[in-house]
PDB file of N, CA and C in Angstrom:
ATOM      1  N   UNK A   1       0.840  -1.185   0.000  1.00  0.00           N
ATOM      2  CA  UNK A   1       0.000   0.000   0.000  1.00  0.00           C
ATOM      3  C   UNK A   1       0.882   1.244   0.000  1.00  0.00           C
ATOM      4  N   UNK A   2       1.348   1.617  -1.153  1.00  0.00           N
ATOM      5  CA  UNK A   2       2.193   2.820  -1.184  1.00  0.00           C
ATOM      6  C   UNK A   2       1.368   4.049  -0.887  1.00  0.00           C
ATOM      7  N   UNK A   3       1.909   5.000  -0.171  1.00  0.00           N
ATOM      8  CA  UNK A   3       1.258   6.270   0.138  1.00  0.00           C
ATOM      9  C   UNK A   3      -0.200   6.152   0.519  1.00  0.00           C
ATOM     10  N   UNK A   4      -0.579   6.841   1.551  1.00  0.00           N
ATOM     11  CA  UNK A   4      -1.958   6.760   2.003  1.00  0.00           C
ATOM     12  C   UNK A   4      -2.814   7.882   1.429  1.00  0.00           C
ATOM     13  N   UNK A   5      -2.171   8.888   0.875  1.00  0.00           N
ATOM     14  CA  UNK A   5      -2.930  10.036   0.393  1.00  0.00           C
ATOM     15  C   UNK A   5      -3.627   9.695  -0.924  1.00  0.00           C
ATOM     16  N   UNK A   6      -4.910  10.031  -1.038  1.00  0.00           N
ATOM     17  CA  UNK A   6      -5.618   9.811  -2.305  1.00  0.00           C
ATOM     18  C   UNK A   6      -5.008  10.663  -3.412  1.00  0.00           C
ATOM     19  N   UNK A   7      -5.108  10.183  -4.662  1.00  0.00           N
ATOM     20  CA  UNK A   7      -4.562  10.930  -5.801  1.00  0.00           C
ATOM     21  C   UNK A   7      -5.284  12.258  -5.980  1.00  0.00           C
ATOM     22  N   UNK A   8      -6.583  12.272  -5.700  1.00  0.00           N
ATOM     23  CA  UNK A   8      -7.357  13.506  -5.766  1.00  0.00           C
ATOM     24  C   UNK A   8      -7.943  13.772  -4.376  1.00  0.00           C
ATOM     25  N   UNK A   9      -8.147  15.025  -4.067  1.00  0.00           N
ATOM     26  CA  UNK A   9      -8.673  15.398  -2.759  1.00  0.00           C
ATOM     27  C   UNK A   9     -10.076  14.831  -2.584  1.00  0.00           C
ATOM     28  N   UNK A  10     -10.311  14.257  -1.454  1.00  0.00           N
ATOM     29  CA  UNK A  10     -11.616  13.678  -1.141  1.00  0.00           C
ATOM     30  C   UNK A  10     -12.256  14.511  -0.030  1.00  0.00           C
ATOM     31  N   UNK A  11     -13.466  15.017  -0.300  1.00  0.00           N
ATOM     32  CA  UNK A  11     -14.206  15.764   0.713  1.00  0.00           C
ATOM     33  C   UNK A  11     -15.048  14.778   1.497  1.00  0.00           C
ATOM     34  N   UNK A  12     -14.683  14.550   2.740  1.00  0.00           N
ATOM     35  CA  UNK A  12     -15.409  13.589   3.554  1.00  0.00           C
ATOM     36  C   UNK A  12     -16.388  14.282   4.487  1.00  0.00           C
ATOM     37  N   UNK A  13     -17.499  13.608   4.727  1.00  0.00           N
ATOM     38  CA  UNK A  13     -18.479  14.102   5.698  1.00  0.00           C
ATOM     39  C   UNK A  13     -17.936  13.838   7.100  1.00  0.00           C
ATOM     40  N   UNK A  14     -18.423  14.577   8.102  1.00  0.00           N
ATOM     41  CA  UNK A  14     -18.021  14.253   9.481  1.00  0.00           C
ATOM     42  C   UNK A  14     -18.403  12.800   9.779  1.00  0.00           C
ATOM     43  N   UNK A  15     -17.544  12.064  10.492  1.00  0.00           N
ATOM     44  CA  UNK A  15     -17.862  10.665  10.777  1.00  0.00           C
ATOM     45  C   UNK A  15     -19.140  10.525  11.599  1.00  0.00           C
ATOM     46  N   UNK A  16     -19.931   9.518  11.268  1.00  0.00           N
ATOM     47  CA  UNK A  16     -21.155   9.237  12.011  1.00  0.00           C
ATOM     48  C   UNK A  16     -20.880   8.116  13.003  1.00  0.00           C
ATOM     49  N   UNK A  17     -21.684   8.071  14.044  1.00  0.00           N
ATOM     50  CA  UNK A  17     -21.522   7.047  15.077  1.00  0.00           C
ATOM     51  C   UNK A  17     -22.811   6.227  15.202  1.00  0.00           C
ATOM     52  N   UNK A  18     -23.613   6.213  14.145  1.00  0.00           N
ATOM     53  CA  UNK A  18     -24.886   5.496  14.187  1.00  0.00           C
ATOM     54  C   UNK A  18     -24.638   3.995  14.303  1.00  0.00           C
ATOM     55  N   UNK A  19     -25.380   3.310  15.191  1.00  0.00           N
ATOM     56  CA  UNK A  19     -25.218   1.862  15.280  1.00  0.00           C
ATOM     57  C   UNK A  19     -25.804   1.177  14.046  1.00  0.00           C
ATOM     58  N   UNK A  20     -25.047   0.250  13.482  1.00  0.00           N
ATOM     59  CA  UNK A  20     -25.486  -0.529  12.327  1.00  0.00           C
ATOM     60  C   UNK A  20     -25.390  -2.002  12.735  1.00  0.00           C
ATOM     61  N   UNK A  21     -26.513  -2.703  12.676  1.00  0.00           N
ATOM     62  CA  UNK A  21     -26.512  -4.107  13.093  1.00  0.00           C
ATOM     63  C   UNK A  21     -25.723  -4.942  12.082  1.00  0.00           C
ATOM     64  N   UNK A  22     -25.237  -6.076  12.538  1.00  0.00           N
ATOM     65  CA  UNK A  22     -24.506  -6.987  11.652  1.00  0.00           C
ATOM     66  C   UNK A  22     -25.410  -7.408  10.495  1.00  0.00           C
ATOM     67  N   UNK A  23     -26.694  -7.623  10.799  1.00  0.00           N
ATOM     68  CA  UNK A  23     -27.661  -8.009   9.768  1.00  0.00           C
ATOM     69  C   UNK A  23     -27.808  -6.902   8.721  1.00  0.00           C
ATOM     70  N   UNK A  24     -27.939  -5.658   9.179  1.00  0.00           N
ATOM     71  CA  UNK A  24     -28.065  -4.519   8.262  1.00  0.00           C
ATOM     72  C   UNK A  24     -26.786  -4.376   7.426  1.00  0.00           C
ATOM     73  N   UNK A  25     -25.635  -4.499   8.084  1.00  0.00           N
ATOM     74  CA  UNK A  25     -24.354  -4.403   7.378  1.00  0.00           C
ATOM     75  C   UNK A  25     -24.282  -5.448   6.272  1.00  0.00           C
ATOM     76  N   UNK A  26     -24.727  -6.670   6.556  1.00  0.00           N
ATOM     77  CA  UNK A  26     -24.629  -7.755   5.573  1.00  0.00           C
ATOM     78  C   UNK A  26     -25.426  -7.472   4.303  1.00  0.00           C
ATOM     79  N   UNK A  27     -26.450  -6.633   4.416  1.00  0.00           N
ATOM     80  CA  UNK A  27     -27.261  -6.273   3.240  1.00  0.00           C
ATOM     81  C   UNK A  27     -26.576  -5.204   2.383  1.00  0.00           C
ATOM     82  N   UNK A  28     -25.576  -4.543   2.939  1.00  0.00           N
ATOM     83  CA  UNK A  28     -24.890  -3.457   2.226  1.00  0.00           C
ATOM     84  C   UNK A  28     -23.699  -4.033   1.438  1.00  0.00           C
ATOM     85  N   UNK A  29     -24.036  -4.879   0.471  1.00  0.00           N
ATOM     86  CA  UNK A  29     -23.001  -5.604  -0.265  1.00  0.00           C
ATOM     87  C   UNK A  29     -22.904  -5.201  -1.728  1.00  0.00           C
ATOM     88  N   UNK A  30     -23.597  -4.132  -2.097  1.00  0.00           N
ATOM     89  CA  UNK A  30     -23.520  -3.628  -3.462  1.00  0.00           C
ATOM     90  C   UNK A  30     -24.369  -4.386  -4.466  1.00  0.00           C
ATOM     91  N   UNK A  31     -25.043  -5.436  -4.039  1.00  0.00           N
ATOM     92  CA  UNK A  31     -25.864  -6.225  -4.963  1.00  0.00           C
ATOM     93  C   UNK A  31     -27.202  -5.548  -5.172  1.00  0.00           C
ATOM     94  N   UNK A  32     -27.708  -5.635  -6.407  1.00  0.00           N
ATOM     95  CA  UNK A  32     -29.025  -5.102  -6.767  1.00  0.00           C
ATOM     96  C   UNK A  32     -29.186  -3.644  -6.376  1.00  0.00           C
ATOM     97  N   UNK A  33     -28.137  -2.860  -6.570  1.00  0.00           N
ATOM     98  CA  UNK A  33     -28.203  -1.428  -6.325  1.00  0.00           C
ATOM     99  C   UNK A  33     -28.050  -1.010  -4.875  1.00  0.00           C
ATOM    100  N   UNK A  34     -27.802  -1.968  -3.990  1.00  0.00           N
ATOM    101  CA  UNK A  34     -27.627  -1.636  -2.568  1.00  0.00           C
ATOM    102  C   UNK A  34     -26.339  -0.848  -2.376  1.00  0.00           C
ATOM    103  N   UNK A  35     -26.297  -0.087  -1.305  1.00  0.00           N
ATOM    104  CA  UNK A  35     -25.043   0.574  -0.925  1.00  0.00           C
ATOM    105  C   UNK A  35     -24.013  -0.504  -0.644  1.00  0.00           C
ATOM    106  N   UNK A  36     -22.756  -0.091  -0.597  1.00  0.00           N
ATOM    107  CA  UNK A  36     -21.676  -1.040  -0.353  1.00  0.00           C
ATOM    108  C   UNK A  36     -20.854  -0.526   0.827  1.00  0.00           C
ATOM    109  N   UNK A  37     -20.892  -1.277   1.920  1.00  0.00           N
ATOM    110  CA  UNK A  37     -20.187  -0.895   3.143  1.00  0.00           C
ATOM    111  C   UNK A  37     -19.142  -1.947   3.492  1.00  0.00           C
ATOM    112  N   UNK A  38     -18.032  -1.496   4.041  1.00  0.00           N
ATOM    113  CA  UNK A  38     -17.015  -2.383   4.613  1.00  0.00           C
ATOM    114  C   UNK A  38     -16.701  -1.837   6.000  1.00  0.00           C
ATOM    115  N   UNK A  39     -16.649  -2.728   6.989  1.00  0.00           N
ATOM    116  CA  UNK A  39     -16.301  -2.314   8.347  1.00  0.00           C
ATOM    117  C   UNK A  39     -14.879  -2.777   8.662  1.00  0.00           C
ATOM    118  N   UNK A  40     -14.173  -1.931   9.397  1.00  0.00           N
ATOM    119  CA  UNK A  40     -12.835  -2.267   9.890  1.00  0.00           C
ATOM    120  C   UNK A  40     -12.785  -1.837  11.350  1.00  0.00           C
ATOM    121  N   UNK A  41     -12.406  -2.772  12.212  1.00  0.00           N
ATOM    122  CA  UNK A  41     -12.335  -2.495  13.648  1.00  0.00           C
ATOM    123  C   UNK A  41     -13.615  -1.829  14.143  1.00  0.00           C
ATOM    124  N   UNK A  42     -14.749  -2.300  13.633  1.00  0.00           N
ATOM    125  CA  UNK A  42     -16.045  -1.819  14.093  1.00  0.00           C
ATOM    126  C   UNK A  42     -16.563  -0.557  13.439  1.00  0.00           C
ATOM    127  N   UNK A  43     -15.714   0.180  12.722  1.00  0.00           N
ATOM    128  CA  UNK A  43     -16.178   1.383  12.013  1.00  0.00           C
ATOM    129  C   UNK A  43     -16.659   0.977  10.628  1.00  0.00           C
ATOM    130  N   UNK A  44     -17.789   1.556  10.213  1.00  0.00           N
ATOM    131  CA  UNK A  44     -18.396   1.197   8.938  1.00  0.00           C
ATOM    132  C   UNK A  44     -18.130   2.307   7.916  1.00  0.00           C
ATOM    133  N   UNK A  45     -17.501   1.920   6.812  1.00  0.00           N
ATOM    134  CA  UNK A  45     -17.153   2.844   5.736  1.00  0.00           C
ATOM    135  C   UNK A  45     -18.057   2.609   4.537  1.00  0.00           C
ATOM    136  N   UNK A  46     -18.496   3.702   3.908  1.00  0.00           N
ATOM    137  CA  UNK A  46     -19.295   3.611   2.684  1.00  0.00           C
ATOM    138  C   UNK A  46     -18.335   3.593   1.495  1.00  0.00           C
ATOM    139  N   UNK A  47     -18.169   2.411   0.893  1.00  0.00           N
ATOM    140  CA  UNK A  47     -17.253   2.250  -0.249  1.00  0.00           C
ATOM    141  C   UNK A  47     -18.038   2.106  -1.553  1.00  0.00           C
ATOM    142  N   UNK A  48     -19.288   2.582  -1.555  1.00  0.00           N
ATOM    143  CA  UNK A  48     -20.169   2.430  -2.715  1.00  0.00           C
ATOM    144  C   UNK A  48     -19.567   2.991  -3.995  1.00  0.00           C
ATOM    145  N   UNK A  49     -18.743   4.032  -3.875  1.00  0.00           N
ATOM    146  CA  UNK A  49     -18.173   4.667  -5.058  1.00  0.00           C
ATOM    147  C   UNK A  49     -16.980   3.938  -5.658  1.00  0.00           C
ATOM    148  N   UNK A  50     -16.541   2.858  -5.046  1.00  0.00           N
ATOM    149  CA  UNK A  50     -15.377   2.121  -5.541  1.00  0.00           C
ATOM    150  C   UNK A  50     -15.799   0.816  -6.192  1.00  0.00           C
ATOM    151  N   UNK A  51     -15.441   0.648  -7.460  1.00  0.00           N
ATOM    152  CA  UNK A  51     -15.789  -0.578  -8.186  1.00  0.00           C
ATOM    153  C   UNK A  51     -15.170  -1.823  -7.555  1.00  0.00           C
ATOM    154  N   UNK A  52     -14.047  -1.668  -6.866  1.00  0.00           N
ATOM    155  CA  UNK A  52     -13.335  -2.816  -6.295  1.00  0.00           C
ATOM    156  C   UNK A  52     -14.183  -3.594  -5.297  1.00  0.00           C
ATOM    157  N   UNK A  53     -15.138  -2.921  -4.638  1.00  0.00           N
ATOM    158  CA  UNK A  53     -15.943  -3.569  -3.608  1.00  0.00           C
ATOM    159  C   UNK A  53     -17.309  -4.008  -4.124  1.00  0.00           C
ATOM    160  N   UNK A  54     -17.634  -3.624  -5.347  1.00  0.00           N
ATOM    161  CA  UNK A  54     -18.917  -3.993  -5.948  1.00  0.00           C
ATOM    162  C   UNK A  54     -18.865  -5.453  -6.417  1.00  0.00           C
ATOM    163  N   UNK A  55     -20.050  -6.065  -6.673  1.00  0.00           N
ATOM    164  CA  UNK A  55     -20.061  -7.436  -7.184  1.00  0.00           C
ATOM    165  C   UNK A  55     -19.137  -7.561  -8.405  1.00  0.00           C
ATOM    166  N   UNK A  56     -18.298  -8.585  -8.384  1.00  0.00           N
ATOM    167  CA  UNK A  56     -17.339  -8.793  -9.461  1.00  0.00           C
ATOM    168  C   UNK A  56     -16.008  -8.096  -9.234  1.00  0.00           C
ATOM    169  N   UNK A  57     -15.952  -7.188  -8.261  1.00  0.00           N
ATOM    170  CA  UNK A  57     -14.714  -6.466  -7.964  1.00  0.00           C
ATOM    171  C   UNK A  57     -13.744  -7.325  -7.165  1.00  0.00           C
ATOM    172  N   UNK A  58     -12.483  -6.956  -7.205  1.00  0.00           N
ATOM    173  CA  UNK A  58     -11.451  -7.772  -6.558  1.00  0.00           C
ATOM    174  C   UNK A  58     -11.576  -7.825  -5.034  1.00  0.00           C
ATOM    175  N   UNK A  59     -12.266  -6.838  -4.424  1.00  0.00           N
ATOM    176  CA  UNK A  59     -12.436  -6.835  -2.973  1.00  0.00           C
ATOM    177  C   UNK A  59     -13.890  -7.005  -2.551  1.00  0.00           C
ATOM    178  N   UNK A  60     -14.726  -7.533  -3.444  1.00  0.00           N
ATOM    179  CA  UNK A  60     -16.152  -7.700  -3.130  1.00  0.00           C
ATOM    180  C   UNK A  60     -16.355  -8.612  -1.920  1.00  0.00           C
ATOM    181  N   UNK A  61     -15.422  -9.504  -1.671  1.00  0.00           N
ATOM    182  CA  UNK A  61     -15.534 -10.428  -0.534  1.00  0.00           C
ATOM    183  C   UNK A  61     -15.666  -9.669   0.793  1.00  0.00           C
ATOM    184  N   UNK A  62     -15.202  -8.417   0.842  1.00  0.00           N
ATOM    185  CA  UNK A  62     -15.272  -7.608   2.064  1.00  0.00           C
ATOM    186  C   UNK A  62     -16.610  -6.883   2.214  1.00  0.00           C
ATOM    187  N   UNK A  63     -17.374  -6.770   1.138  1.00  0.00           N
ATOM    188  CA  UNK A  63     -18.603  -5.974   1.126  1.00  0.00           C
ATOM    189  C   UNK A  63     -19.633  -6.554   2.094  1.00  0.00           C
ATOM    190  N   UNK A  64     -20.180  -5.687   2.938  1.00  0.00           N
ATOM    191  CA  UNK A  64     -21.208  -6.107   3.872  1.00  0.00           C
ATOM    192  C   UNK A  64     -20.667  -6.817   5.104  1.00  0.00           C
ATOM    193  N   UNK A  65     -19.357  -6.702   5.343  1.00  0.00           N
ATOM    194  CA  UNK A  65     -18.744  -7.415   6.468  1.00  0.00           C
ATOM    195  C   UNK A  65     -17.761  -6.510   7.194  1.00  0.00           C
ATOM    196  N   UNK A  66     -17.407  -6.927   8.410  1.00  0.00           N
ATOM    197  CA  UNK A  66     -16.241  -6.365   9.080  1.00  0.00           C
ATOM    198  C   UNK A  66     -15.083  -7.243   8.639  1.00  0.00           C
ATOM    199  N   UNK A  67     -14.231  -6.706   7.798  1.00  0.00           N
ATOM    200  CA  UNK A  67     -13.156  -7.470   7.155  1.00  0.00           C
ATOM    201  C   UNK A  67     -11.803  -7.260   7.837  1.00  0.00           C
ATOM    202  N   UNK A  68     -11.817  -6.891   9.111  1.00  0.00           N
ATOM    203  CA  UNK A  68     -10.578  -6.556   9.820  1.00  0.00           C
ATOM    204  C   UNK A  68      -9.504  -7.627   9.678  1.00  0.00           C
ATOM    205  N   UNK A  69      -9.857  -8.876   9.957  1.00  0.00           N
ATOM    206  CA  UNK A  69      -8.854  -9.944   9.925  1.00  0.00           C
ATOM    207  C   UNK A  69      -8.260 -10.097   8.522  1.00  0.00           C
ATOM    208  N   UNK A  70      -9.116 -10.142   7.507  1.00  0.00           N
ATOM    209  CA  UNK A  70      -8.646 -10.318   6.136  1.00  0.00           C
ATOM    210  C   UNK A  70      -7.692  -9.193   5.731  1.00  0.00           C
ATOM    211  N   UNK A  71      -8.020  -7.960   6.112  1.00  0.00           N
ATOM    212  CA  UNK A  71      -7.157  -6.836   5.750  1.00  0.00           C
ATOM    213  C   UNK A  71      -5.803  -6.955   6.437  1.00  0.00           C
ATOM    214  N   UNK A  72      -5.798  -7.322   7.713  1.00  0.00           N
ATOM    215  CA  UNK A  72      -4.534  -7.502   8.430  1.00  0.00           C
ATOM    216  C   UNK A  72      -3.679  -8.604   7.823  1.00  0.00           C
ATOM    217  N   UNK A  73      -4.349  -9.635   7.329  1.00  0.00           N
ATOM    218  CA  UNK A  73      -3.635 -10.767   6.714  1.00  0.00           C
ATOM    219  C   UNK A  73      -3.344 -10.541   5.231  1.00  0.00           C
ATOM    220  N   UNK A  74      -3.868  -9.444   4.681  1.00  0.00           N
ATOM    221  CA  UNK A  74      -3.759  -9.174   3.241  1.00  0.00           C
ATOM    222  C   UNK A  74      -4.351 -10.357   2.464  1.00  0.00           C
ATOM    223  N   UNK A  75      -5.530 -10.796   2.916  1.00  0.00           N
ATOM    224  CA  UNK A  75      -6.188 -11.965   2.356  1.00  0.00           C
ATOM    225  C   UNK A  75      -7.511 -11.578   1.720  1.00  0.00           C
ATOM    226  N   UNK A  76      -7.854 -12.217   0.624  1.00  0.00           N
ATOM    227  CA  UNK A  76      -9.173 -12.023   0.031  1.00  0.00           C
ATOM    228  C   UNK A  76     -10.008 -13.303   0.141  1.00  0.00           C
ATOM    229  N   UNK A  77      -9.658 -14.155   1.096  1.00  0.00           N
ATOM    230  CA  UNK A  77     -10.451 -15.364   1.344  1.00  0.00           C
ATOM    231  C   UNK A  77     -11.687 -14.969   2.142  1.00  0.00           C
ATOM    232  N   UNK A  78     -12.828 -15.473   1.710  1.00  0.00           N
ATOM    233  CA  UNK A  78     -14.072 -15.167   2.421  1.00  0.00           C
ATOM    234  C   UNK A  78     -13.996 -15.602   3.881  1.00  0.00           C
ATOM    235  N   UNK A  79     -13.331 -16.707   4.155  1.00  0.00           N
ATOM    236  CA  UNK A  79     -13.241 -17.211   5.531  1.00  0.00           C
ATOM    237  C   UNK A  79     -12.433 -16.284   6.440  1.00  0.00           C
ATOM    238  N   UNK A  80     -11.598 -15.418   5.852  1.00  0.00           N
ATOM    239  CA  UNK A  80     -10.819 -14.462   6.647  1.00  0.00           C
ATOM    240  C   UNK A  80     -11.547 -13.138   6.858  1.00  0.00           C
ATOM    241  N   UNK A  81     -12.646 -12.913   6.128  1.00  0.00           N
ATOM    242  CA  UNK A  81     -13.370 -11.634   6.218  1.00  0.00           C
ATOM    243  C   UNK A  81     -14.272 -11.649   7.452  1.00  0.00           C
ATOM    244  N   UNK A  82     -13.618 -11.593   8.620  1.00  0.00           N
ATOM    245  CA  UNK A  82     -14.304 -11.623   9.915  1.00  0.00           C
ATOM    246  C   UNK A  82     -13.734 -10.519  10.799  1.00  0.00           C
ATOM    247  N   UNK A  83     -14.467 -10.131  11.862  1.00  0.00           N
ATOM    248  CA  UNK A  83     -14.018  -9.030  12.717  1.00  0.00           C
ATOM    249  C   UNK A  83     -12.807  -9.341  13.588  1.00  0.00           C
ATOM    250  N   UNK A  84     -12.613 -10.601  13.969  1.00  0.00           N
ATOM    251  CA  UNK A  84     -11.573 -10.934  14.947  1.00  0.00           C
ATOM    252  C   UNK A  84     -10.178 -10.682  14.391  1.00  0.00           C
ATOM    253  N   UNK A  85      -9.428  -9.852  15.080  1.00  0.00           N
ATOM    254  CA  UNK A  85      -8.066  -9.529  14.633  1.00  0.00           C
ATOM    255  C   UNK A  85      -7.050  -9.510  15.772  1.00  0.00           C
ATOM    256  N   UNK A  86      -7.499  -9.603  17.014  1.00  0.00           N
ATOM    257  CA  UNK A  86      -6.588  -9.398  18.144  1.00  0.00           C
ATOM    258  C   UNK A  86      -5.483 -10.440  18.245  1.00  0.00           C
ATOM    259  N   UNK A  87      -5.658 -11.612  17.626  1.00  0.00           N
ATOM    260  CA  UNK A  87      -4.620 -12.642  17.663  1.00  0.00           C
ATOM    261  C   UNK A  87      -3.612 -12.504  16.513  1.00  0.00           C
ATOM    262  N   UNK A  88      -3.758 -11.468  15.705  1.00  0.00           N
ATOM    263  CA  UNK A  88      -2.776 -11.241  14.634  1.00  0.00           C
ATOM    264  C   UNK A  88      -1.438 -10.854  15.254  1.00  0.00           C
ATOM    265  N   UNK A  89      -0.354 -11.113  14.525  1.00  0.00           N
ATOM    266  CA  UNK A  89       0.955 -10.710  15.056  1.00  0.00           C
ATOM    267  C   UNK A  89       1.150  -9.202  14.854  1.00  0.00           C
ATOM    268  N   UNK A  90       2.210  -8.654  15.420  1.00  0.00           N
ATOM    269  CA  UNK A  90       2.416  -7.201  15.403  1.00  0.00           C
ATOM    270  C   UNK A  90       2.493  -6.658  13.984  1.00  0.00           C
ATOM    271  N   UNK A  91       3.133  -7.375  13.089  1.00  0.00           N
ATOM    272  CA  UNK A  91       3.251  -6.923  11.696  1.00  0.00           C
ATOM    273  C   UNK A  91       1.861  -6.856  11.047  1.00  0.00           C
ATOM    274  N   UNK A  92       1.047  -7.871  11.281  1.00  0.00           N
ATOM    275  CA  UNK A  92      -0.302  -7.894  10.708  1.00  0.00           C
ATOM    276  C   UNK A  92      -1.180  -6.807  11.320  1.00  0.00           C
ATOM    277  N   UNK A  93      -1.010  -6.541  12.613  1.00  0.00           N
ATOM    278  CA  UNK A  93      -1.762  -5.452  13.250  1.00  0.00           C
ATOM    279  C   UNK A  93      -1.365  -4.103  12.662  1.00  0.00           C
ATOM    280  N   UNK A  94      -0.104  -3.931  12.337  1.00  0.00           N
ATOM    281  CA  UNK A  94       0.367  -2.687  11.697  1.00  0.00           C
ATOM    282  C   UNK A  94      -0.277  -2.542  10.317  1.00  0.00           C
ATOM    283  N   UNK A  95      -0.333  -3.645   9.565  1.00  0.00           N
ATOM    284  CA  UNK A  95      -0.976  -3.624   8.250  1.00  0.00           C
ATOM    285  C   UNK A  95      -2.446  -3.224   8.397  1.00  0.00           C
ATOM    286  N   UNK A  96      -3.123  -3.802   9.393  1.00  0.00           N
ATOM    287  CA  UNK A  96      -4.526  -3.464   9.637  1.00  0.00           C
ATOM    288  C   UNK A  96      -4.675  -1.982   9.961  1.00  0.00           C
ATOM    289  N   UNK A  97      -3.818  -1.458  10.814  1.00  0.00           N
ATOM    290  CA  UNK A  97      -3.854  -0.021  11.137  1.00  0.00           C
ATOM    291  C   UNK A  97      -3.609   0.831   9.899  1.00  0.00           C
ATOM    292  N   UNK A  98      -2.722   0.374   9.017  1.00  0.00           N
ATOM    293  CA  UNK A  98      -2.481   1.094   7.759  1.00  0.00           C
ATOM    294  C   UNK A  98      -3.749   1.120   6.903  1.00  0.00           C
ATOM    295  N   UNK A  99      -4.475   0.019   6.889  1.00  0.00           N
ATOM    296  CA  UNK A  99      -5.736  -0.022   6.144  1.00  0.00           C
ATOM    297  C   UNK A  99      -6.746   0.951   6.748  1.00  0.00           C
ATOM    298  N   UNK A 100      -6.800   1.040   8.069  1.00  0.00           N
ATOM    299  CA  UNK A 100      -7.702   2.003   8.717  1.00  0.00           C
ATOM    300  C   UNK A 100      -7.364   3.416   8.245  1.00  0.00           C
ATOM    301  N   UNK A 101      -6.078   3.746   8.218  1.00  0.00           N
ATOM    302  CA  UNK A 101      -5.637   5.060   7.733  1.00  0.00           C
ATOM    303  C   UNK A 101      -6.060   5.259   6.274  1.00  0.00           C
ATOM    304  N   UNK A 102      -5.816   4.254   5.453  1.00  0.00           N
ATOM    305  CA  UNK A 102      -6.153   4.309   4.024  1.00  0.00           C
ATOM    306  C   UNK A 102      -7.648   4.578   3.844  1.00  0.00           C
ATOM    307  N   UNK A 103      -8.494   3.780   4.502  1.00  0.00           N
ATOM    308  CA  UNK A 103      -9.945   3.937   4.371  1.00  0.00           C
ATOM    309  C   UNK A 103     -10.394   5.291   4.897  1.00  0.00           C
ATOM    310  N   UNK A 104      -9.826   5.729   6.030  1.00  0.00           N
ATOM    311  CA  UNK A 104     -10.303   6.970   6.661  1.00  0.00           C
ATOM    312  C   UNK A 104      -9.987   8.207   5.829  1.00  0.00           C
ATOM    313  N   UNK A 105      -9.055   8.092   4.886  1.00  0.00           N
ATOM    314  CA  UNK A 105      -8.733   9.225   4.010  1.00  0.00           C
ATOM    315  C   UNK A 105      -9.547   9.207   2.714  1.00  0.00           C
ATOM    316  N   UNK A 106     -10.313   8.138   2.484  1.00  0.00           N
ATOM    317  CA  UNK A 106     -11.028   7.984   1.226  1.00  0.00           C
ATOM    318  C   UNK A 106     -12.537   7.821   1.335  1.00  0.00           C
ATOM    319  N   UNK A 107     -13.002   7.239   2.431  1.00  0.00           N
ATOM    320  CA  UNK A 107     -14.406   6.849   2.520  1.00  0.00           C
ATOM    321  C   UNK A 107     -15.051   7.419   3.777  1.00  0.00           C
ATOM    322  N   UNK A 108     -16.333   7.794   3.627  1.00  0.00           N
ATOM    323  CA  UNK A 108     -17.089   8.314   4.762  1.00  0.00           C
ATOM    324  C   UNK A 108     -17.375   7.202   5.773  1.00  0.00           C
ATOM    325  N   UNK A 109     -17.232   7.548   7.037  1.00  0.00           N
ATOM    326  CA  UNK A 109     -17.634   6.647   8.115  1.00  0.00           C
ATOM    327  C   UNK A 109     -19.118   6.896   8.342  1.00  0.00           C
ATOM    328  N   UNK A 110     -19.926   5.856   8.110  1.00  0.00           N
ATOM    329  CA  UNK A 110     -21.380   6.012   8.185  1.00  0.00           C
ATOM    330  C   UNK A 110     -21.957   5.433   9.469  1.00  0.00           C
ATOM    331  N   UNK A 111     -21.117   4.852  10.304  1.00  0.00           N
ATOM    332  CA  UNK A 111     -21.606   4.325  11.568  1.00  0.00           C
ATOM    333  C   UNK A 111     -20.608   3.354  12.175  1.00  0.00           C
ATOM    334  N   UNK A 112     -21.131   2.597  13.136  1.00  0.00           N
ATOM    335  CA  UNK A 112     -20.285   1.590  13.794  1.00  0.00           C
ATOM    336  C   UNK A 112     -21.095   0.314  13.925  1.00  0.00           C
ATOM    337  N   UNK A 113     -20.409  -0.807  13.898  1.00  0.00           N
ATOM    338  CA  UNK A 113     -21.093  -2.095  14.036  1.00  0.00           C
ATOM    339  C   UNK A 113     -21.632  -2.205  15.460  1.00  0.00           C
ATOM    340  N   UNK A 114     -22.927  -2.404  15.557  1.00  0.00           N
ATOM    341  CA  UNK A 114     -23.591  -2.505  16.848  1.00  0.00           C
ATOM    342  C   UNK A 114     -22.990  -3.652  17.663  1.00  0.00           C
ATOM    343  N   UNK A 115     -22.560  -3.350  18.884  1.00  0.00           N
ATOM    344  CA  UNK A 115     -22.018  -4.370  19.754  1.00  0.00           C
ATOM    345  C   UNK A 115     -20.611  -4.839  19.419  1.00  0.00           C
ATOM    346  N   UNK A 116     -19.926  -4.158  18.519  1.00  0.00           N
ATOM    347  CA  UNK A 116     -18.574  -4.584  18.119  1.00  0.00           C
ATOM    348  C   UNK A 116     -17.634  -4.586  19.320  1.00  0.00           C
ATOM    349  N   UNK A 117     -16.829  -5.632  19.424  1.00  0.00           N
ATOM    350  CA  UNK A 117     -15.864  -5.748  20.514  1.00  0.00           C
ATOM    351  C   UNK A 117     -14.437  -5.728  19.983  1.00  0.00           C
ATOM    352  N   UNK A 118     -14.296  -5.417  18.695  1.00  0.00           N
ATOM    353  CA  UNK A 118     -12.969  -5.487  18.066  1.00  0.00           C
ATOM    354  C   UNK A 118     -12.429  -4.104  17.710  1.00  0.00           C
ATOM    355  N   UNK A 119     -12.877  -3.084  18.443  1.00  0.00           N
ATOM    356  CA  UNK A 119     -12.556  -1.710  18.036  1.00  0.00           C
ATOM    357  C   UNK A 119     -11.130  -1.294  18.398  1.00  0.00           C
ATOM    358  N   UNK A 120     -10.560  -1.801  19.466  1.00  0.00           N
ATOM    359  CA  UNK A 120      -9.185  -1.429  19.823  1.00  0.00           C
ATOM    360  C   UNK A 120      -8.399  -2.639  20.231  1.00  0.00           C
TER     361      UNK A 120
END
């Protein structure tokens, strides 16, 4: 992940703290015109504007999920797209934190996963 700064300036809305249930998040997968959300460490990002997360995109496996573990592992396996990340090693945790930085500079935070225990 070279450089975290977007190529073009992104105007982001103030982050929201609205609770989003896991069930609601799962519906935000970009299918049939739905919004496309990805959660990392309990924060929910609206990635609807990125083709990579839409159906058929290279990161669609993350859509509608908290993909913290997969991002830390640099994995696109569906089985890794889960919230649990605390058992990752220090290098993988650093990668996950880098992804948080990357997402926070590009995508609006639209809420938080209700009841998430993987935030810190």
